[in-house]
Amino acid sequence: YGIDATGKPKAGRFPERQAAAAEKAARSLKLAVCNVD
């Protein structure tokens, strides 16, 4: 989740098998990551 470069709020959930790739992409887009634990 987070705010994109245009100021729009973003949020998406990802299954465990895609977590590593989603975290890497989130870092490059400057979005936050929350573990569902």
PDB file of all heavy atoms in Angstrom:
ATOM      1  N   TYR A   1       0.832  -1.203   0.000  1.00  0.00           N
ATOM      2  CA  TYR A   1       0.000   0.000   0.000  1.00  0.00           C
ATOM      3  C   TYR A   1       0.865   1.251   0.000  1.00  0.00           C
ATOM      4  O   TYR A   1       2.056   1.204   0.298  1.00  0.00           O
ATOM      5  CB  TYR A   1      -0.927  -0.001   1.216  1.00  0.00           C
ATOM      6  CG  TYR A   1      -0.193   0.052   2.525  1.00  0.00           C
ATOM      7  CD1 TYR A   1       0.016   1.260   3.178  1.00  0.00           C
ATOM      8  CD2 TYR A   1       0.315  -1.103   3.107  1.00  0.00           C
ATOM      9  CE1 TYR A   1       0.713   1.311   4.380  1.00  0.00           C
ATOM     10  CE2 TYR A   1       1.003  -1.065   4.295  1.00  0.00           C
ATOM     11  CZ  TYR A   1       1.187   0.142   4.921  1.00  0.00           C
ATOM     12  OH  TYR A   1       1.885   0.182   6.106  1.00  0.00           O
ATOM     13  N   GLY A   2       0.238   2.358  -0.329  1.00  0.00           N
ATOM     14  CA  GLY A   2       0.934   3.636  -0.314  1.00  0.00           C
ATOM     15  C   GLY A   2       0.327   4.605  -1.308  1.00  0.00           C
ATOM     16  O   GLY A   2      -0.744   4.378  -1.855  1.00  0.00           O
ATOM     17  N   ILE A   3       1.047   5.694  -1.532  1.00  0.00           N
ATOM     18  CA  ILE A   3       0.636   6.732  -2.469  1.00  0.00           C
ATOM     19  C   ILE A   3       1.587   6.680  -3.662  1.00  0.00           C
ATOM     20  O   ILE A   3       2.804   6.683  -3.484  1.00  0.00           O
ATOM     21  CB  ILE A   3       0.707   8.129  -1.802  1.00  0.00           C
ATOM     22  CG1 ILE A   3      -0.101   8.167  -0.507  1.00  0.00           C
ATOM     23  CG2 ILE A   3       0.272   9.217  -2.762  1.00  0.00           C
ATOM     24  CD1 ILE A   3      -1.588   8.021  -0.682  1.00  0.00           C
ATOM     25  N   ASP A   4       1.032   6.664  -4.872  1.00  0.00           N
ATOM     26  CA  ASP A   4       1.903   6.605  -6.048  1.00  0.00           C
ATOM     27  C   ASP A   4       2.444   7.992  -6.393  1.00  0.00           C
ATOM     28  O   ASP A   4       2.159   8.980  -5.707  1.00  0.00           O
ATOM     29  CB  ASP A   4       1.190   5.952  -7.231  1.00  0.00           C
ATOM     30  CG  ASP A   4       0.055   6.787  -7.808  1.00  0.00           C
ATOM     31  OD1 ASP A   4      -0.177   7.920  -7.339  1.00  0.00           O
ATOM     32  OD2 ASP A   4      -0.605   6.299  -8.742  1.00  0.00           O
ATOM     33  N   ALA A   5       3.205   8.088  -7.456  1.00  0.00           N
ATOM     34  CA  ALA A   5       3.855   9.342  -7.850  1.00  0.00           C
ATOM     35  C   ALA A   5       2.853  10.432  -8.219  1.00  0.00           C
ATOM     36  O   ALA A   5       3.168  11.621  -8.134  1.00  0.00           O
ATOM     37  CB  ALA A   5       4.797   9.087  -9.012  1.00  0.00           C
ATOM     38  N   THR A   6       1.635  10.052  -8.601  1.00  0.00           N
ATOM     39  CA  THR A   6       0.617  11.037  -8.970  1.00  0.00           C
ATOM     40  C   THR A   6      -0.272  11.421  -7.792  1.00  0.00           C
ATOM     41  O   THR A   6      -1.202  12.204  -7.952  1.00  0.00           O
ATOM     42  CB  THR A   6      -0.263  10.518 -10.122  1.00  0.00           C
ATOM     43  OG1 THR A   6      -0.951   9.344  -9.692  1.00  0.00           O
ATOM     44  CG2 THR A   6       0.564  10.214 -11.347  1.00  0.00           C
ATOM     45  N   GLY A   7      -0.014  10.849  -6.614  1.00  0.00           N
ATOM     46  CA  GLY A   7      -0.785  11.179  -5.419  1.00  0.00           C
ATOM     47  C   GLY A   7      -2.004  10.310  -5.187  1.00  0.00           C
ATOM     48  O   GLY A   7      -2.806  10.591  -4.301  1.00  0.00           O
ATOM     49  N   LYS A   8      -2.162   9.249  -5.960  1.00  0.00           N
ATOM     50  CA  LYS A   8      -3.319   8.365  -5.803  1.00  0.00           C
ATOM     51  C   LYS A   8      -2.988   7.254  -4.809  1.00  0.00           C
ATOM     52  O   LYS A   8      -1.897   6.693  -4.851  1.00  0.00           O
ATOM     53  CB  LYS A   8      -3.707   7.743  -7.140  1.00  0.00           C
ATOM     54  CG  LYS A   8      -4.218   8.743  -8.138  1.00  0.00           C
ATOM     55  CD  LYS A   8      -4.586   8.062  -9.425  1.00  0.00           C
ATOM     56  CE  LYS A   8      -5.053   9.078 -10.442  1.00  0.00           C
ATOM     57  NZ  LYS A   8      -5.357   8.444 -11.721  1.00  0.00           N
ATOM     58  N   PRO A   9      -3.943   6.896  -3.934  1.00  0.00           N
ATOM     59  CA  PRO A   9      -3.705   5.785  -3.003  1.00  0.00           C
ATOM     60  C   PRO A   9      -3.751   4.442  -3.733  1.00  0.00           C
ATOM     61  O   PRO A   9      -4.587   4.227  -4.612  1.00  0.00           O
ATOM     62  CB  PRO A   9      -4.854   5.906  -2.000  1.00  0.00           C
ATOM     63  CG  PRO A   9      -5.919   6.635  -2.732  1.00  0.00           C
ATOM     64  CD  PRO A   9      -5.233   7.533  -3.724  1.00  0.00           C
ATOM     65  N   LYS A  10      -2.827   3.576  -3.387  1.00  0.00           N
ATOM     66  CA  LYS A  10      -2.725   2.246  -3.979  1.00  0.00           C
ATOM     67  C   LYS A  10      -2.776   1.205  -2.880  1.00  0.00           C
ATOM     68  O   LYS A  10      -2.276   1.432  -1.781  1.00  0.00           O
ATOM     69  CB  LYS A  10      -1.397   2.075  -4.722  1.00  0.00           C
ATOM     70  CG  LYS A  10      -1.170   3.039  -5.840  1.00  0.00           C
ATOM     71  CD  LYS A  10      -1.979   2.604  -7.016  1.00  0.00           C
ATOM     72  CE  LYS A  10      -1.575   3.388  -8.251  1.00  0.00           C
ATOM     73  NZ  LYS A  10      -2.299   2.935  -9.405  1.00  0.00           N
ATOM     74  N   ALA A  11      -3.355   0.049  -3.171  1.00  0.00           N
ATOM     75  CA  ALA A  11      -3.360  -1.074  -2.229  1.00  0.00           C
ATOM     76  C   ALA A  11      -3.611  -2.358  -3.000  1.00  0.00           C
ATOM     77  O   ALA A  11      -4.423  -2.387  -3.920  1.00  0.00           O
ATOM     78  CB  ALA A  11      -4.428  -0.889  -1.159  1.00  0.00           C
ATOM     79  N   GLY A  12      -2.902  -3.397  -2.628  1.00  0.00           N
ATOM     80  CA  GLY A  12      -3.085  -4.702  -3.263  1.00  0.00           C
ATOM     81  C   GLY A  12      -2.619  -5.800  -2.322  1.00  0.00           C
ATOM     82  O   GLY A  12      -1.740  -5.591  -1.502  1.00  0.00           O
ATOM     83  N   ARG A  13      -3.255  -6.958  -2.424  1.00  0.00           N
ATOM     84  CA  ARG A  13      -2.835  -8.097  -1.606  1.00  0.00           C
ATOM     85  C   ARG A  13      -2.220  -9.142  -2.519  1.00  0.00           C
ATOM     86  O   ARG A  13      -2.599  -9.272  -3.685  1.00  0.00           O
ATOM     87  CB  ARG A  13      -3.998  -8.668  -0.819  1.00  0.00           C
ATOM     88  CG  ARG A  13      -5.146  -9.159  -1.638  1.00  0.00           C
ATOM     89  CD  ARG A  13      -6.314  -9.559  -0.733  1.00  0.00           C
ATOM     90  NE  ARG A  13      -7.548  -9.571  -1.472  1.00  0.00           N
ATOM     91  CZ  ARG A  13      -8.197 -10.670  -1.823  1.00  0.00           C
ATOM     92  NH1 ARG A  13      -7.722 -11.850  -1.481  1.00  0.00           N
ATOM     93  NH2 ARG A  13      -9.320 -10.600  -2.496  1.00  0.00           N
ATOM     94  N   PHE A  14      -1.244  -9.847  -1.972  1.00  0.00           N
ATOM     95  CA  PHE A  14      -0.512 -10.831  -2.749  1.00  0.00           C
ATOM     96  C   PHE A  14      -0.412 -12.120  -1.966  1.00  0.00           C
ATOM     97  O   PHE A  14      -0.146 -12.097  -0.759  1.00  0.00           O
ATOM     98  CB  PHE A  14       0.889 -10.312  -3.085  1.00  0.00           C
ATOM     99  CG  PHE A  14       0.861  -9.101  -3.976  1.00  0.00           C
ATOM    100  CD1 PHE A  14       0.777  -7.832  -3.438  1.00  0.00           C
ATOM    101  CD2 PHE A  14       0.884  -9.237  -5.344  1.00  0.00           C
ATOM    102  CE1 PHE A  14       0.728  -6.713  -4.246  1.00  0.00           C
ATOM    103  CE2 PHE A  14       0.838  -8.125  -6.169  1.00  0.00           C
ATOM    104  CZ  PHE A  14       0.760  -6.857  -5.617  1.00  0.00           C
ATOM    105  N   PRO A  15      -0.591 -13.271  -2.632  1.00  0.00           N
ATOM    106  CA  PRO A  15      -0.476 -14.559  -1.940  1.00  0.00           C
ATOM    107  C   PRO A  15       0.975 -14.840  -1.557  1.00  0.00           C
ATOM    108  O   PRO A  15       1.913 -14.219  -2.075  1.00  0.00           O
ATOM    109  CB  PRO A  15      -0.978 -15.569  -2.966  1.00  0.00           C
ATOM    110  CG  PRO A  15      -0.824 -14.904  -4.277  1.00  0.00           C
ATOM    111  CD  PRO A  15      -0.950 -13.426  -4.030  1.00  0.00           C
ATOM    112  N   GLU A  16       1.138 -15.780  -0.679  1.00  0.00           N
ATOM    113  CA  GLU A  16       2.457 -16.113  -0.140  1.00  0.00           C
ATOM    114  C   GLU A  16       3.456 -16.485  -1.235  1.00  0.00           C
ATOM    115  O   GLU A  16       4.623 -16.108  -1.164  1.00  0.00           O
ATOM    116  CB  GLU A  16       2.313 -17.260   0.853  1.00  0.00           C
ATOM    117  CG  GLU A  16       3.564 -17.550   1.626  1.00  0.00           C
ATOM    118  CD  GLU A  16       3.333 -18.585   2.701  1.00  0.00           C
ATOM    119  OE1 GLU A  16       2.210 -19.033   2.904  1.00  0.00           O
ATOM    120  OE2 GLU A  16       4.331 -18.951   3.345  1.00  0.00           O
ATOM    121  N   ARG A  17       3.000 -17.165  -2.266  1.00  0.00           N
ATOM    122  CA  ARG A  17       3.928 -17.592  -3.323  1.00  0.00           C
ATOM    123  C   ARG A  17       4.460 -16.418  -4.142  1.00  0.00           C
ATOM    124  O   ARG A  17       5.476 -16.544  -4.820  1.00  0.00           O
ATOM    125  CB  ARG A  17       3.271 -18.630  -4.218  1.00  0.00           C
ATOM    126  CG  ARG A  17       2.160 -18.101  -5.075  1.00  0.00           C
ATOM    127  CD  ARG A  17       1.536 -19.205  -5.939  1.00  0.00           C
ATOM    128  NE  ARG A  17       0.567 -18.674  -6.846  1.00  0.00           N
ATOM    129  CZ  ARG A  17      -0.682 -18.342  -6.528  1.00  0.00           C
ATOM    130  NH1 ARG A  17      -1.115 -18.512  -5.302  1.00  0.00           N
ATOM    131  NH2 ARG A  17      -1.491 -17.844  -7.434  1.00  0.00           N
ATOM    132  N   GLN A  18       3.800 -15.251  -4.098  1.00  0.00           N
ATOM    133  CA  GLN A  18       4.249 -14.067  -4.828  1.00  0.00           C
ATOM    134  C   GLN A  18       4.825 -12.996  -3.913  1.00  0.00           C
ATOM    135  O   GLN A  18       5.182 -11.919  -4.374  1.00  0.00           O
ATOM    136  CB  GLN A  18       3.087 -13.471  -5.615  1.00  0.00           C
ATOM    137  CG  GLN A  18       2.550 -14.370  -6.694  1.00  0.00           C
ATOM    138  CD  GLN A  18       1.353 -13.758  -7.391  1.00  0.00           C
ATOM    139  OE1 GLN A  18       0.733 -12.828  -6.883  1.00  0.00           O
ATOM    140  NE2 GLN A  18       1.027 -14.277  -8.558  1.00  0.00           N
ATOM    141  N   ALA A  19       4.934 -13.289  -2.634  1.00  0.00           N
ATOM    142  CA  ALA A  19       5.337 -12.277  -1.647  1.00  0.00           C
ATOM    143  C   ALA A  19       6.707 -11.682  -1.933  1.00  0.00           C
ATOM    144  O   ALA A  19       6.887 -10.465  -1.874  1.00  0.00           O
ATOM    145  CB  ALA A  19       5.292 -12.863  -0.244  1.00  0.00           C
ATOM    146  N   ALA A  20       7.693 -12.501  -2.255  1.00  0.00           N
ATOM    147  CA  ALA A  20       9.052 -12.000  -2.484  1.00  0.00           C
ATOM    148  C   ALA A  20       9.096 -11.058  -3.683  1.00  0.00           C
ATOM    149  O   ALA A  20       9.694  -9.977  -3.618  1.00  0.00           O
ATOM    150  CB  ALA A  20      10.020 -13.159  -2.677  1.00  0.00           C
ATOM    151  N   ALA A  21       8.454 -11.434  -4.773  1.00  0.00           N
ATOM    152  CA  ALA A  21       8.434 -10.585  -5.966  1.00  0.00           C
ATOM    153  C   ALA A  21       7.649  -9.303  -5.710  1.00  0.00           C
ATOM    154  O   ALA A  21       8.041  -8.223  -6.163  1.00  0.00           O
ATOM    155  CB  ALA A  21       7.833 -11.343  -7.138  1.00  0.00           C
ATOM    156  N   ALA A  22       6.544  -9.407  -4.979  1.00  0.00           N
ATOM    157  CA  ALA A  22       5.735  -8.225  -4.671  1.00  0.00           C
ATOM    158  C   ALA A  22       6.497  -7.250  -3.765  1.00  0.00           C
ATOM    159  O   ALA A  22       6.417  -6.039  -3.958  1.00  0.00           O
ATOM    160  CB  ALA A  22       4.424  -8.639  -4.013  1.00  0.00           C
ATOM    161  N   GLU A  23       7.238  -7.773  -2.792  1.00  0.00           N
ATOM    162  CA  GLU A  23       8.037  -6.908  -1.928  1.00  0.00           C
ATOM    163  C   GLU A  23       9.106  -6.164  -2.723  1.00  0.00           C
ATOM    164  O   GLU A  23       9.333  -4.976  -2.512  1.00  0.00           O
ATOM    165  CB  GLU A  23       8.691  -7.715  -0.813  1.00  0.00           C
ATOM    166  CG  GLU A  23       7.738  -8.094   0.283  1.00  0.00           C
ATOM    167  CD  GLU A  23       8.437  -8.785   1.432  1.00  0.00           C
ATOM    168  OE1 GLU A  23       9.379  -8.188   1.992  1.00  0.00           O
ATOM    169  OE2 GLU A  23       8.040  -9.911   1.761  1.00  0.00           O
ATOM    170  N   LYS A  24       9.747  -6.851  -3.632  1.00  0.00           N
ATOM    171  CA  LYS A  24      10.783  -6.231  -4.455  1.00  0.00           C
ATOM    172  C   LYS A  24      10.181  -5.118  -5.320  1.00  0.00           C
ATOM    173  O   LYS A  24      10.730  -4.023  -5.420  1.00  0.00           O
ATOM    174  CB  LYS A  24      11.449  -7.291  -5.333  1.00  0.00           C
ATOM    175  CG  LYS A  24      12.589  -6.781  -6.144  1.00  0.00           C
ATOM    176  CD  LYS A  24      13.246  -7.906  -6.923  1.00  0.00           C
ATOM    177  CE  LYS A  24      14.383  -7.390  -7.784  1.00  0.00           C
ATOM    178  NZ  LYS A  24      14.983  -8.464  -8.571  1.00  0.00           N
ATOM    179  N   ALA A  25       9.045  -5.388  -5.930  1.00  0.00           N
ATOM    180  CA  ALA A  25       8.376  -4.384  -6.753  1.00  0.00           C
ATOM    181  C   ALA A  25       7.889  -3.210  -5.908  1.00  0.00           C
ATOM    182  O   ALA A  25       7.985  -2.055  -6.320  1.00  0.00           O
ATOM    183  CB  ALA A  25       7.202  -5.017  -7.494  1.00  0.00           C
ATOM    184  N   ALA A  26       7.388  -3.496  -4.713  1.00  0.00           N
ATOM    185  CA  ALA A  26       6.908  -2.431  -3.819  1.00  0.00           C
ATOM    186  C   ALA A  26       8.047  -1.490  -3.433  1.00  0.00           C
ATOM    187  O   ALA A  26       7.862  -0.270  -3.375  1.00  0.00           O
ATOM    188  CB  ALA A  26       6.269  -3.038  -2.576  1.00  0.00           C
ATOM    189  N   ARG A  27       9.219  -2.055  -3.153  1.00  0.00           N
ATOM    190  CA  ARG A  27      10.372  -1.210  -2.813  1.00  0.00           C
ATOM    191  C   ARG A  27      10.734  -0.287  -3.970  1.00  0.00           C
ATOM    192  O   ARG A  27      11.020   0.886  -3.770  1.00  0.00           O
ATOM    193  CB  ARG A  27      11.565  -2.072  -2.426  1.00  0.00           C
ATOM    194  CG  ARG A  27      11.506  -2.602  -1.021  1.00  0.00           C
ATOM    195  CD  ARG A  27      12.855  -3.145  -0.582  1.00  0.00           C
ATOM    196  NE  ARG A  27      13.365  -4.177  -1.483  1.00  0.00           N
ATOM    197  CZ  ARG A  27      13.157  -5.482  -1.349  1.00  0.00           C
ATOM    198  NH1 ARG A  27      12.441  -5.917  -0.340  1.00  0.00           N
ATOM    199  NH2 ARG A  27      13.653  -6.337  -2.203  1.00  0.00           N
ATOM    200  N   SER A  28      10.708  -0.803  -5.186  1.00  0.00           N
ATOM    201  CA  SER A  28      11.068   0.030  -6.333  1.00  0.00           C
ATOM    202  C   SER A  28      10.028   1.109  -6.615  1.00  0.00           C
ATOM    203  O   SER A  28      10.356   2.163  -7.138  1.00  0.00           O
ATOM    204  CB  SER A  28      11.290  -0.823  -7.576  1.00  0.00           C
ATOM    205  OG  SER A  28      10.080  -1.363  -8.032  1.00  0.00           O
ATOM    206  N   LEU A  29       8.770   0.862  -6.253  1.00  0.00           N
ATOM    207  CA  LEU A  29       7.704   1.854  -6.425  1.00  0.00           C
ATOM    208  C   LEU A  29       7.502   2.726  -5.182  1.00  0.00           C
ATOM    209  O   LEU A  29       6.592   3.541  -5.141  1.00  0.00           O
ATOM    210  CB  LEU A  29       6.389   1.153  -6.778  1.00  0.00           C
ATOM    211  CG  LEU A  29       6.366   0.437  -8.120  1.00  0.00           C
ATOM    212  CD1 LEU A  29       5.103  -0.396  -8.257  1.00  0.00           C
ATOM    213  CD2 LEU A  29       6.467   1.445  -9.251  1.00  0.00           C
ATOM    214  N   LYS A  30       8.339   2.510  -4.165  1.00  0.00           N
ATOM    215  CA  LYS A  30       8.279   3.252  -2.894  1.00  0.00           C
ATOM    216  C   LYS A  30       6.925   3.095  -2.199  1.00  0.00           C
ATOM    217  O   LYS A  30       6.332   4.044  -1.715  1.00  0.00           O
ATOM    218  CB  LYS A  30       8.619   4.720  -3.117  1.00  0.00           C
ATOM    219  CG  LYS A  30      10.031   4.889  -3.620  1.00  0.00           C
ATOM    220  CD  LYS A  30      10.405   6.317  -3.786  1.00  0.00           C
ATOM    221  CE  LYS A  30      11.854   6.329  -4.229  1.00  0.00           C
ATOM    222  NZ  LYS A  30      12.216   7.386  -5.077  1.00  0.00           N
ATOM    223  N   LEU A  31       6.441   1.844  -2.171  1.00  0.00           N
ATOM    224  CA  LEU A  31       5.207   1.495  -1.471  1.00  0.00           C
ATOM    225  C   LEU A  31       5.556   0.703  -0.220  1.00  0.00           C
ATOM    226  O   LEU A  31       6.591   0.049  -0.159  1.00  0.00           O
ATOM    227  CB  LEU A  31       4.292   0.669  -2.378  1.00  0.00           C
ATOM    228  CG  LEU A  31       3.799   1.362  -3.652  1.00  0.00           C
ATOM    229  CD1 LEU A  31       3.047   0.382  -4.532  1.00  0.00           C
ATOM    230  CD2 LEU A  31       2.930   2.558  -3.319  1.00  0.00           C
ATOM    231  N   ALA A  32       4.686   0.742   0.773  1.00  0.00           N
ATOM    232  CA  ALA A  32       4.898   0.020   2.028  1.00  0.00           C
ATOM    233  C   ALA A  32       4.371  -1.407   1.907  1.00  0.00           C
ATOM    234  O   ALA A  32       3.485  -1.695   1.102  1.00  0.00           O
ATOM    235  CB  ALA A  32       4.189   0.742   3.168  1.00  0.00           C
ATOM    236  N   VAL A  33       4.915  -2.294   2.739  1.00  0.00           N
ATOM    237  CA  VAL A  33       4.517  -3.700   2.757  1.00  0.00           C
ATOM    238  C   VAL A  33       4.115  -4.073   4.175  1.00  0.00           C
ATOM    239  O   VAL A  33       4.802  -3.734   5.131  1.00  0.00           O
ATOM    240  CB  VAL A  33       5.675  -4.605   2.287  1.00  0.00           C
ATOM    241  CG1 VAL A  33       5.291  -6.064   2.382  1.00  0.00           C
ATOM    242  CG2 VAL A  33       6.086  -4.255   0.872  1.00  0.00           C
ATOM    243  N   CYS A  34       2.997  -4.776   4.304  1.00  0.00           N
ATOM    244  CA  CYS A  34       2.523  -5.254   5.601  1.00  0.00           C
ATOM    245  C   CYS A  34       2.311  -6.759   5.510  1.00  0.00           C
ATOM    246  O   CYS A  34       1.585  -7.237   4.632  1.00  0.00           O
ATOM    247  CB  CYS A  34       1.217  -4.555   5.965  1.00  0.00           C
ATOM    248  SG  CYS A  34       0.468  -5.148   7.483  1.00  0.00           S
ATOM    249  N   ASN A  35       2.950  -7.501   6.402  1.00  0.00           N
ATOM    250  CA  ASN A  35       2.731  -8.947   6.461  1.00  0.00           C
ATOM    251  C   ASN A  35       1.387  -9.222   7.109  1.00  0.00           C
ATOM    252  O   ASN A  35       1.045  -8.632   8.124  1.00  0.00           O
ATOM    253  CB  ASN A  35       3.827  -9.629   7.270  1.00  0.00           C
ATOM    254  CG  ASN A  35       5.149  -9.597   6.553  1.00  0.00           C
ATOM    255  OD1 ASN A  35       5.210  -9.749   5.350  1.00  0.00           O
ATOM    256  ND2 ASN A  35       6.206  -9.380   7.297  1.00  0.00           N
ATOM    257  N   VAL A  36       0.627 -10.128   6.523  1.00  0.00           N
ATOM    258  CA  VAL A  36      -0.677 -10.512   7.062  1.00  0.00           C
ATOM    259  C   VAL A  36      -0.429 -11.672   8.016  1.00  0.00           C
ATOM    260  O   VAL A  36      -0.508 -12.828   7.646  1.00  0.00           O
ATOM    261  CB  VAL A  36      -1.652 -10.890   5.937  1.00  0.00           C
ATOM    262  CG1 VAL A  36      -3.012 -11.259   6.510  1.00  0.00           C
ATOM    263  CG2 VAL A  36      -1.783  -9.758   4.952  1.00  0.00           C
ATOM    264  N   ASP A  37      -0.097 -11.322   9.246  1.00  0.00           N
ATOM    265  CA  ASP A  37       0.239 -12.349  10.229  1.00  0.00           C
ATOM    266  C   ASP A  37      -0.570 -12.226  11.517  1.00  0.00           C
ATOM    267  O   ASP A  37      -0.281 -12.890  12.485  1.00  0.00           O
ATOM    268  CB  ASP A  37       1.736 -12.306  10.535  1.00  0.00           C
ATOM    269  CG  ASP A  37       2.181 -10.928  10.985  1.00  0.00           C
ATOM    270  OD1 ASP A  37       1.334 -10.014  11.086  1.00  0.00           O
ATOM    271  OD2 ASP A  37       3.379 -10.757  11.234  1.00  0.00           O
TER     272      ASP A  37
END
